Protein backbone atom coordinates (compact mmCIF):
# COMPACT_ATOMS: atom_id res chain seq x y z
CA MET A 1 -24.62 142.02 65.41
CA ASP A 2 -22.09 140.97 62.79
CA GLU A 3 -21.74 137.29 61.84
CA LEU A 4 -18.13 137.42 63.03
CA ASP A 5 -19.00 138.77 66.52
CA ASP A 6 -18.98 135.22 67.96
CA GLY A 7 -15.49 134.58 66.61
CA ALA A 8 -13.93 134.05 63.25
CA GLN A 9 -16.13 131.08 62.25
CA LEU A 10 -19.44 131.75 60.50
CA ARG A 11 -22.79 130.13 61.29
CA CYS A 12 -25.11 128.81 58.58
CA PRO A 13 -27.90 131.29 57.81
CA ALA A 14 -30.29 128.38 57.09
CA ASP A 15 -29.92 126.37 60.31
CA GLY A 16 -27.36 128.09 62.57
CA ILE A 17 -24.80 125.26 62.45
CA LEU A 18 -21.12 126.20 62.67
CA MET A 19 -19.71 126.46 59.13
CA ARG A 20 -16.61 124.49 58.15
CA ASP A 21 -13.71 125.91 56.16
CA ILE A 22 -13.47 124.76 52.55
CA ASP A 23 -11.22 125.97 49.76
CA GLY A 24 -12.41 129.51 48.99
CA GLY A 25 -15.18 129.81 51.59
CA TRP A 26 -17.28 127.95 54.17
CA GLU A 27 -19.75 125.06 54.02
CA CYS A 28 -22.44 123.90 56.43
CA PRO A 29 -21.84 120.24 57.33
CA GLU A 30 -25.56 119.75 58.03
CA CYS A 31 -27.35 121.19 54.97
CA GLY A 32 -24.45 121.82 52.56
CA HIS A 33 -25.07 125.59 52.27
CA VAL A 34 -21.91 127.28 50.91
CA ILE A 35 -20.71 130.84 51.49
CA ALA A 36 -17.86 131.78 49.18
CA PRO A 37 -17.01 135.46 49.71
CA VAL A 38 -13.30 134.88 49.72
CA VAL A 39 -11.77 136.67 46.76
CA LYS A 40 -8.25 135.75 45.83
CA ILE A 41 -6.09 138.86 45.78
CA VAL A 42 -3.18 139.07 43.39
CA MET A 43 -0.26 140.47 45.30
CA PRO A 44 2.00 142.84 43.38
CA PRO A 45 5.55 141.61 42.85
CA ALA A 46 8.11 142.47 45.50
CA PHE A 47 9.67 145.87 44.96
CA ARG A 48 13.17 145.67 43.60
CA GLY A 49 14.98 148.98 43.62
CA PRO A 50 16.37 151.64 45.92
CA THR A 51 14.67 152.13 49.25
CA VAL A 52 13.11 155.36 50.44
CA HIS A 53 16.28 156.09 52.38
CA GLY A 54 18.58 155.27 49.42
CA GLY A 55 19.81 151.89 50.66
């Protein structure tokens, strides 16, 4: 079973409490355990030029 099988919100591995969203991850409101797997992705700049179909 994946930790996201119960929905999109994680549970604390230490005590099973529902984790709360914080900037860049999740935090357990009970014990303070933090999971921070969120990696910021740099998006490439928008393409400026002719389209595939020449438009």
